[in-house]
Amino acid sequence: MVRLTISLADRTHRALKEAAVRENRSMASIIEESLTLRGIQPLDSHPRGCLVTGDRLLLENPPGNVSVISPRSFADTFLPPK
């Protein structure tokens, strides 16, 4: 498991802590469930997934067996010419 530090508004943090106590769960499990319900998953969990990014590091070193393309490549490949 990886440690992550995030900043939350005091009100959001308090609500998360209260939910964790009320549901007898960890805050991490509530956050993980929320991400799953929003459809946020690692790219490699989508067999035909492709990340479109301008991040040079990701473009030059794509993680695992993942397709990573630039916005320009996406536009040239998938959008109709004007």
C-alpha atoms as a PDB file:
ATOM      1  CA  MET A   1       0.000   0.000   0.000  1.00  0.00           C
ATOM      2  CA  VAL A   2       1.271   3.475  -0.862  1.00  0.00           C
ATOM      3  CA  ARG A   3       1.055   6.447   1.488  1.00  0.00           C
ATOM      4  CA  LEU A   4      -0.479   9.609   0.092  1.00  0.00           C
ATOM      5  CA  THR A   5      -0.820  13.054   1.594  1.00  0.00           C
ATOM      6  CA  ILE A   6      -3.715  15.202   0.414  1.00  0.00           C
ATOM      7  CA  SER A   7      -5.141  18.521   1.545  1.00  0.00           C
ATOM      8  CA  LEU A   8      -8.847  18.689   2.291  1.00  0.00           C
ATOM      9  CA  ALA A   9     -11.010  21.528   3.472  1.00  0.00           C
ATOM     10  CA  ASP A  10     -11.583  21.242   7.240  1.00  0.00           C
ATOM     11  CA  ARG A  11     -15.275  20.612   6.665  1.00  0.00           C
ATOM     12  CA  THR A  12     -14.582  17.792   4.171  1.00  0.00           C
ATOM     13  CA  HIS A  13     -12.003  16.205   6.461  1.00  0.00           C
ATOM     14  CA  ARG A  14     -14.446  16.316   9.384  1.00  0.00           C
ATOM     15  CA  ALA A  15     -17.201  14.748   7.246  1.00  0.00           C
ATOM     16  CA  LEU A  16     -14.841  11.980   6.118  1.00  0.00           C
ATOM     17  CA  LYS A  17     -13.775  11.230   9.703  1.00  0.00           C
ATOM     18  CA  GLU A  18     -17.402  11.195  10.874  1.00  0.00           C
ATOM     19  CA  ALA A  19     -18.401   8.819   8.062  1.00  0.00           C
ATOM     20  CA  ALA A  20     -15.497   6.508   8.912  1.00  0.00           C
ATOM     21  CA  VAL A  21     -16.562   6.332  12.571  1.00  0.00           C
ATOM     22  CA  ARG A  22     -20.260   5.964  11.713  1.00  0.00           C
ATOM     23  CA  GLU A  23     -19.579   3.152   9.220  1.00  0.00           C
ATOM     24  CA  ASN A  24     -16.758   1.543  11.242  1.00  0.00           C
ATOM     25  CA  ARG A  25     -14.420   1.824   8.235  1.00  0.00           C
ATOM     26  CA  SER A  26     -11.117   3.464   7.501  1.00  0.00           C
ATOM     27  CA  MET A  27     -11.022   6.804   5.726  1.00  0.00           C
ATOM     28  CA  ALA A  28      -8.880   5.126   3.051  1.00  0.00           C
ATOM     29  CA  SER A  29     -11.598   2.540   2.327  1.00  0.00           C
ATOM     30  CA  ILE A  30     -14.205   5.304   1.919  1.00  0.00           C
ATOM     31  CA  ILE A  31     -11.936   7.198  -0.476  1.00  0.00           C
ATOM     32  CA  GLU A  32     -11.142   4.019  -2.468  1.00  0.00           C
ATOM     33  CA  GLU A  33     -14.850   3.182  -2.749  1.00  0.00           C
ATOM     34  CA  SER A  34     -15.619   6.730  -3.889  1.00  0.00           C
ATOM     35  CA  LEU A  35     -12.966   6.544  -6.613  1.00  0.00           C
ATOM     36  CA  THR A  36     -14.311   3.190  -7.797  1.00  0.00           C
ATOM     37  CA  LEU A  37     -17.892   4.484  -7.888  1.00  0.00           C
ATOM     38  CA  ARG A  38     -16.707   7.460  -9.981  1.00  0.00           C
ATOM     39  CA  GLY A  39     -15.060   5.037 -12.409  1.00  0.00           C
ATOM     40  CA  ILE A  40     -11.537   6.153 -11.534  1.00  0.00           C
ATOM     41  CA  GLN A  41      -9.271   3.162 -12.127  1.00  0.00           C
ATOM     42  CA  PRO A  42      -5.714   2.577 -13.266  1.00  0.00           C
ATOM     43  CA  LEU A  43      -5.375   2.868 -17.022  1.00  0.00           C
ATOM     44  CA  ASP A  44      -4.090  -0.692 -17.326  1.00  0.00           C
ATOM     45  CA  SER A  45      -7.450  -1.992 -16.043  1.00  0.00           C
ATOM     46  CA  HIS A  46      -8.921  -0.922 -19.399  1.00  0.00           C
ATOM     47  CA  PRO A  47      -7.531  -3.307 -22.050  1.00  0.00           C
ATOM     48  CA  ARG A  48      -7.940  -0.826 -24.903  1.00  0.00           C
ATOM     49  CA  GLY A  49      -7.431   2.299 -22.801  1.00  0.00           C
ATOM     50  CA  CYS A  50      -5.290   5.169 -23.969  1.00  0.00           C
ATOM     51  CA  LEU A  51      -4.040   8.161 -22.000  1.00  0.00           C
ATOM     52  CA  VAL A  52      -3.927  11.484 -23.844  1.00  0.00           C
ATOM     53  CA  THR A  53      -1.466  13.813 -22.135  1.00  0.00           C
ATOM     54  CA  GLY A  54       1.081  16.494 -22.757  1.00  0.00           C
ATOM     55  CA  ASP A  55       3.239  15.193 -19.903  1.00  0.00           C
ATOM     56  CA  ARG A  56       6.625  14.552 -21.534  1.00  0.00           C
ATOM     57  CA  LEU A  57       7.665  12.020 -18.863  1.00  0.00           C
ATOM     58  CA  LEU A  58       4.578   9.859 -19.463  1.00  0.00           C
ATOM     59  CA  LEU A  59       4.901  10.167 -23.240  1.00  0.00           C
ATOM     60  CA  GLU A  60       8.526   9.010 -23.168  1.00  0.00           C
ATOM     61  CA  ASN A  61       8.047   6.368 -20.440  1.00  0.00           C
ATOM     62  CA  PRO A  62       4.492   4.967 -20.601  1.00  0.00           C
ATOM     63  CA  PRO A  63       3.618   2.754 -17.621  1.00  0.00           C
ATOM     64  CA  GLY A  64       3.337  -0.984 -18.334  1.00  0.00           C
ATOM     65  CA  ASN A  65       1.408  -2.040 -21.413  1.00  0.00           C
ATOM     66  CA  VAL A  66      -0.465   1.253 -21.690  1.00  0.00           C
ATOM     67  CA  SER A  67      -0.905   3.452 -24.758  1.00  0.00           C
ATOM     68  CA  VAL A  68       0.058   7.071 -24.129  1.00  0.00           C
ATOM     69  CA  ILE A  69      -0.279   9.681 -26.884  1.00  0.00           C
ATOM     70  CA  SER A  70      -0.004  13.442 -27.143  1.00  0.00           C
ATOM     71  CA  PRO A  71      -3.038  15.673 -27.731  1.00  0.00           C
ATOM     72  CA  ARG A  72      -1.672  16.446 -31.223  1.00  0.00           C
ATOM     73  CA  SER A  73      -1.439  12.723 -32.078  1.00  0.00           C
ATOM     74  CA  PHE A  74      -4.966  12.218 -30.775  1.00  0.00           C
ATOM     75  CA  ALA A  75      -6.319  15.069 -32.895  1.00  0.00           C
ATOM     76  CA  ASP A  76      -4.474  13.896 -35.998  1.00  0.00           C
ATOM     77  CA  THR A  77      -5.646  10.307 -35.541  1.00  0.00           C
ATOM     78  CA  PHE A  78      -9.208  10.582 -34.274  1.00  0.00           C
ATOM     79  CA  LEU A  79     -10.666  13.963 -35.196  1.00  0.00           C
ATOM     80  CA  PRO A  80     -11.928  14.744 -38.692  1.00  0.00           C
ATOM     81  CA  PRO A  81      -9.934  17.327 -40.634  1.00  0.00           C
ATOM     82  CA  LYS A  82     -11.405  20.810 -40.791  1.00  0.00           C
END
